[in-house]
Amino acid sequence: MHIHHAAQPALIKGVIACQILSEARPSPAGITLAQARDFKCLLRSDNGGRVEDVISAQRGRPAMRGYHLEASVTHLSLAAIAVLFEYDPAVIAIIDEAQFQRRPVTIDRDAQTSLSIRLADNQLGDLSWSSVD
C-alpha cells in the first residue's frame, strides 16, 4: 500500500503537466499564397495522391477570402515542411506541436486577405465537418 500512495503524487503531477502542455500553443504564422498551394500539393504527394485521407475540411481556394483548410500532418516529414516554408521557425513550431499532439493544422485567410497557419482546435478523428474538393 505504501508504494501505491507514493505513486499518486507523480500521477497527479503528470496530469497537471499534460494539461499545461495542451494549453500552451504556438502562435499562428503568416504564410504566402504559393506556400499554401505547395503545402496542399505536399499533402497529396506524401499520401499517394489520396487527399481525402489527410485533408479533413476545406472551404474555397487559397486566393479567396474565407479560405479554410484543415489537414493532418502526422504523415509528413518535418524536414520537407521546413523546406516548403523556408525554415520559418514559427511554422516549424506549429507543425512540430501538431505532430506531437496528433492535431491537424488549419490554414485560413482573414478579412485582411493574409493567410496564416495554426494548430487546429480539435484532435484528429474528432472533426465536425468535411467538404473536400
C-alpha atoms as a PDB file:
ATOM      1  CA  MET A   1       0.000   0.000   0.000  1.00  0.00           C
ATOM      2  CA  HIS A   2       2.814   2.416   0.744  1.00  0.00           C
ATOM      3  CA  ILE A   3       4.081   2.122  -2.862  1.00  0.00           C
ATOM      4  CA  HIS A   4       0.598   2.924  -4.174  1.00  0.00           C
ATOM      5  CA  HIS A   5       0.445   6.160  -2.173  1.00  0.00           C
ATOM      6  CA  ALA A   6       3.932   7.152  -3.346  1.00  0.00           C
ATOM      7  CA  ALA A   7       2.873   6.747  -6.976  1.00  0.00           C
ATOM      8  CA  GLN A   8      -0.196   9.002  -6.722  1.00  0.00           C
ATOM      9  CA  PRO A   9       1.647  12.350  -6.439  1.00  0.00           C
ATOM     10  CA  ALA A  10       3.668  11.511  -9.564  1.00  0.00           C
ATOM     11  CA  LEU A  11       0.454  10.662 -11.404  1.00  0.00           C
ATOM     12  CA  ILE A  12      -1.133  13.948 -10.363  1.00  0.00           C
ATOM     13  CA  LYS A  13       1.955  15.903 -11.429  1.00  0.00           C
ATOM     14  CA  GLY A  14       1.875  14.087 -14.788  1.00  0.00           C
ATOM     15  CA  VAL A  15      -1.768  15.015 -15.351  1.00  0.00           C
ATOM     16  CA  ILE A  16      -1.081  18.655 -14.497  1.00  0.00           C
ATOM     17  CA  ALA A  17       1.959  18.699 -16.803  1.00  0.00           C
ATOM     18  CA  CYS A  18      -0.136  17.264 -19.655  1.00  0.00           C
ATOM     19  CA  GLN A  19      -2.799  19.947 -19.119  1.00  0.00           C
ATOM     20  CA  ILE A  20      -0.178  22.695 -19.192  1.00  0.00           C
ATOM     21  CA  LEU A  21       1.346  21.275 -22.384  1.00  0.00           C
ATOM     22  CA  SER A  22      -2.040  21.052 -24.083  1.00  0.00           C
ATOM     23  CA  GLU A  23      -2.881  24.663 -23.188  1.00  0.00           C
ATOM     24  CA  ALA A  24       0.406  26.102 -24.486  1.00  0.00           C
ATOM     25  CA  ARG A  25       0.012  26.673 -28.213  1.00  0.00           C
ATOM     26  CA  PRO A  26       2.345  28.202 -30.744  1.00  0.00           C
ATOM     27  CA  SER A  27       1.077  31.462 -32.248  1.00  0.00           C
ATOM     28  CA  PRO A  28      -0.325  31.430 -35.791  1.00  0.00           C
ATOM     29  CA  ALA A  29       2.244  32.100 -38.502  1.00  0.00           C
ATOM     30  CA  GLY A  30       1.778  34.095 -41.684  1.00  0.00           C
ATOM     31  CA  ILE A  31       2.337  32.230 -44.943  1.00  0.00           C
ATOM     32  CA  THR A  32       2.221  33.125 -48.638  1.00  0.00           C
ATOM     33  CA  LEU A  33      -0.298  32.030 -51.240  1.00  0.00           C
ATOM     34  CA  ALA A  34       2.391  29.965 -53.000  1.00  0.00           C
ATOM     35  CA  GLN A  35       3.261  28.217 -49.719  1.00  0.00           C
ATOM     36  CA  ALA A  36      -0.416  27.370 -49.100  1.00  0.00           C
ATOM     37  CA  ARG A  37      -0.717  25.861 -52.581  1.00  0.00           C
ATOM     38  CA  ASP A  38       2.581  23.968 -52.258  1.00  0.00           C
ATOM     39  CA  PHE A  39       1.512  22.657 -48.840  1.00  0.00           C
ATOM     40  CA  LYS A  40      -1.660  21.204 -50.351  1.00  0.00           C
ATOM     41  CA  CYS A  41       0.437  19.564 -53.091  1.00  0.00           C
ATOM     42  CA  LEU A  42       2.790  18.153 -50.430  1.00  0.00           C
ATOM     43  CA  LEU A  43      -0.179  16.690 -48.563  1.00  0.00           C
ATOM     44  CA  ARG A  44      -1.278  14.915 -51.732  1.00  0.00           C
ATOM     45  CA  SER A  45       2.153  13.719 -52.861  1.00  0.00           C
ATOM     46  CA  ASP A  46       3.209  12.302 -49.498  1.00  0.00           C
ATOM     47  CA  ASN A  47      -0.001  10.312 -49.246  1.00  0.00           C
ATOM     48  CA  GLY A  48      -0.077   8.654 -52.649  1.00  0.00           C
ATOM     49  CA  GLY A  49      -2.440  11.286 -54.049  1.00  0.00           C
ATOM     50  CA  ARG A  50      -5.249  10.344 -51.635  1.00  0.00           C
ATOM     51  CA  VAL A  51      -6.118  13.820 -50.423  1.00  0.00           C
ATOM     52  CA  GLU A  52      -9.283  12.715 -48.597  1.00  0.00           C
ATOM     53  CA  ASP A  53      -7.181  10.857 -46.015  1.00  0.00           C
ATOM     54  CA  VAL A  54      -5.260  13.946 -44.915  1.00  0.00           C
ATOM     55  CA  ILE A  55      -7.434  16.984 -45.689  1.00  0.00           C
ATOM     56  CA  SER A  56     -10.344  16.805 -43.296  1.00  0.00           C
ATOM     57  CA  ALA A  57     -12.037  20.103 -44.129  1.00  0.00           C
ATOM     58  CA  GLN A  58     -11.728  22.611 -46.914  1.00  0.00           C
ATOM     59  CA  ARG A  59     -13.684  25.665 -47.994  1.00  0.00           C
ATOM     60  CA  GLY A  60     -12.835  27.801 -51.004  1.00  0.00           C
ATOM     61  CA  ARG A  61      -9.477  28.314 -52.707  1.00  0.00           C
ATOM     62  CA  PRO A  62      -6.284  29.791 -51.185  1.00  0.00           C
ATOM     63  CA  ALA A  63      -6.644  33.036 -53.174  1.00  0.00           C
ATOM     64  CA  MET A  64     -10.216  33.634 -51.894  1.00  0.00           C
ATOM     65  CA  ARG A  65     -11.293  35.433 -48.731  1.00  0.00           C
ATOM     66  CA  GLY A  66     -12.821  32.927 -46.306  1.00  0.00           C
ATOM     67  CA  TYR A  67     -10.459  30.139 -47.404  1.00  0.00           C
ATOM     68  CA  HIS A  68     -10.139  27.357 -44.845  1.00  0.00           C
ATOM     69  CA  LEU A  69      -8.110  24.134 -44.938  1.00  0.00           C
ATOM     70  CA  GLU A  70      -7.715  21.655 -42.117  1.00  0.00           C
ATOM     71  CA  ALA A  71      -5.299  18.768 -42.571  1.00  0.00           C
ATOM     72  CA  SER A  72      -3.369  16.085 -40.755  1.00  0.00           C
ATOM     73  CA  VAL A  73       0.412  16.458 -40.809  1.00  0.00           C
ATOM     74  CA  THR A  74       1.304  13.321 -38.852  1.00  0.00           C
ATOM     75  CA  HIS A  75       2.483  11.531 -42.008  1.00  0.00           C
ATOM     76  CA  LEU A  76       4.748  14.358 -43.189  1.00  0.00           C
ATOM     77  CA  SER A  77       8.457  14.770 -42.627  1.00  0.00           C
ATOM     78  CA  LEU A  78       9.253  17.870 -40.598  1.00  0.00           C
ATOM     79  CA  ALA A  79      12.260  18.451 -42.886  1.00  0.00           C
ATOM     80  CA  ALA A  80      10.034  18.523 -46.004  1.00  0.00           C
ATOM     81  CA  ILE A  81       7.728  21.050 -44.365  1.00  0.00           C
ATOM     82  CA  ALA A  82      10.672  23.178 -43.186  1.00  0.00           C
ATOM     83  CA  VAL A  83      11.955  23.470 -46.754  1.00  0.00           C
ATOM     84  CA  LEU A  84       8.488  24.321 -48.078  1.00  0.00           C
ATOM     85  CA  PHE A  85       8.054  27.155 -45.568  1.00  0.00           C
ATOM     86  CA  GLU A  86      11.643  28.412 -45.955  1.00  0.00           C
ATOM     87  CA  TYR A  87      12.667  27.213 -42.482  1.00  0.00           C
ATOM     88  CA  ASP A  88      10.287  29.637 -40.757  1.00  0.00           C
ATOM     89  CA  PRO A  89      10.642  28.796 -37.029  1.00  0.00           C
ATOM     90  CA  ALA A  90       7.022  29.806 -36.324  1.00  0.00           C
ATOM     91  CA  VAL A  91       5.678  27.319 -38.902  1.00  0.00           C
ATOM     92  CA  ILE A  92       8.065  24.587 -37.748  1.00  0.00           C
ATOM     93  CA  ALA A  93       6.851  25.080 -34.148  1.00  0.00           C
ATOM     94  CA  ILE A  94       3.222  24.693 -35.274  1.00  0.00           C
ATOM     95  CA  ILE A  95       3.897  21.534 -37.302  1.00  0.00           C
ATOM     96  CA  ASP A  96       6.036  20.047 -34.541  1.00  0.00           C
ATOM     97  CA  GLU A  97       3.314  20.658 -31.948  1.00  0.00           C
ATOM     98  CA  ALA A  98       0.615  19.313 -34.292  1.00  0.00           C
ATOM     99  CA  GLN A  99       2.577  16.102 -34.809  1.00  0.00           C
ATOM    100  CA  PHE A 100       3.293  15.781 -31.067  1.00  0.00           C
ATOM    101  CA  GLN A 101      -0.348  16.305 -30.060  1.00  0.00           C
ATOM    102  CA  ARG A 102      -1.778  14.452 -33.105  1.00  0.00           C
ATOM    103  CA  ARG A 103      -3.750  17.550 -34.071  1.00  0.00           C
ATOM    104  CA  PRO A 104      -4.456  18.820 -37.554  1.00  0.00           C
ATOM    105  CA  VAL A 105      -3.281  22.218 -38.711  1.00  0.00           C
ATOM    106  CA  THR A 106      -5.535  24.917 -40.096  1.00  0.00           C
ATOM    107  CA  ILE A 107      -4.738  27.342 -42.883  1.00  0.00           C
ATOM    108  CA  ASP A 108      -7.167  30.181 -43.334  1.00  0.00           C
ATOM    109  CA  ARG A 109      -7.440  33.641 -44.789  1.00  0.00           C
ATOM    110  CA  ASP A 110      -8.604  36.501 -42.607  1.00  0.00           C
ATOM    111  CA  ALA A 111     -10.505  39.644 -43.586  1.00  0.00           C
ATOM    112  CA  GLN A 112      -7.231  41.453 -44.353  1.00  0.00           C
ATOM    113  CA  THR A 113      -6.522  38.824 -47.058  1.00  0.00           C
ATOM    114  CA  SER A 114      -3.468  37.361 -45.335  1.00  0.00           C
ATOM    115  CA  LEU A 115      -3.021  33.613 -44.996  1.00  0.00           C
ATOM    116  CA  SER A 116      -1.956  32.002 -41.742  1.00  0.00           C
ATOM    117  CA  ILE A 117      -1.283  28.513 -40.442  1.00  0.00           C
ATOM    118  CA  ARG A 118      -2.129  27.476 -36.892  1.00  0.00           C
ATOM    119  CA  LEU A 119      -2.761  24.465 -34.694  1.00  0.00           C
ATOM    120  CA  ALA A 120      -6.354  23.258 -35.169  1.00  0.00           C
ATOM    121  CA  ASP A 121      -8.759  23.371 -32.267  1.00  0.00           C
ATOM    122  CA  ASN A 122      -9.756  19.707 -32.479  1.00  0.00           C
ATOM    123  CA  GLN A 123      -7.978  16.352 -32.243  1.00  0.00           C
ATOM    124  CA  LEU A 124      -7.553  14.052 -35.253  1.00  0.00           C
ATOM    125  CA  GLY A 125     -10.605  11.888 -35.703  1.00  0.00           C
ATOM    126  CA  ASP A 126     -12.811  14.460 -33.945  1.00  0.00           C
ATOM    127  CA  LEU A 127     -13.638  16.663 -36.913  1.00  0.00           C
ATOM    128  CA  SER A 128     -17.062  18.209 -37.073  1.00  0.00           C
ATOM    129  CA  TRP A 129     -17.415  18.850 -40.818  1.00  0.00           C
ATOM    130  CA  SER A 130     -15.820  17.810 -44.044  1.00  0.00           C
ATOM    131  CA  SER A 131     -16.053  19.197 -47.556  1.00  0.00           C
ATOM    132  CA  VAL A 132     -13.118  18.088 -49.693  1.00  0.00           C
ATOM    133  CA  ASP A 133     -12.788  19.143 -53.339  1.00  0.00           C
END
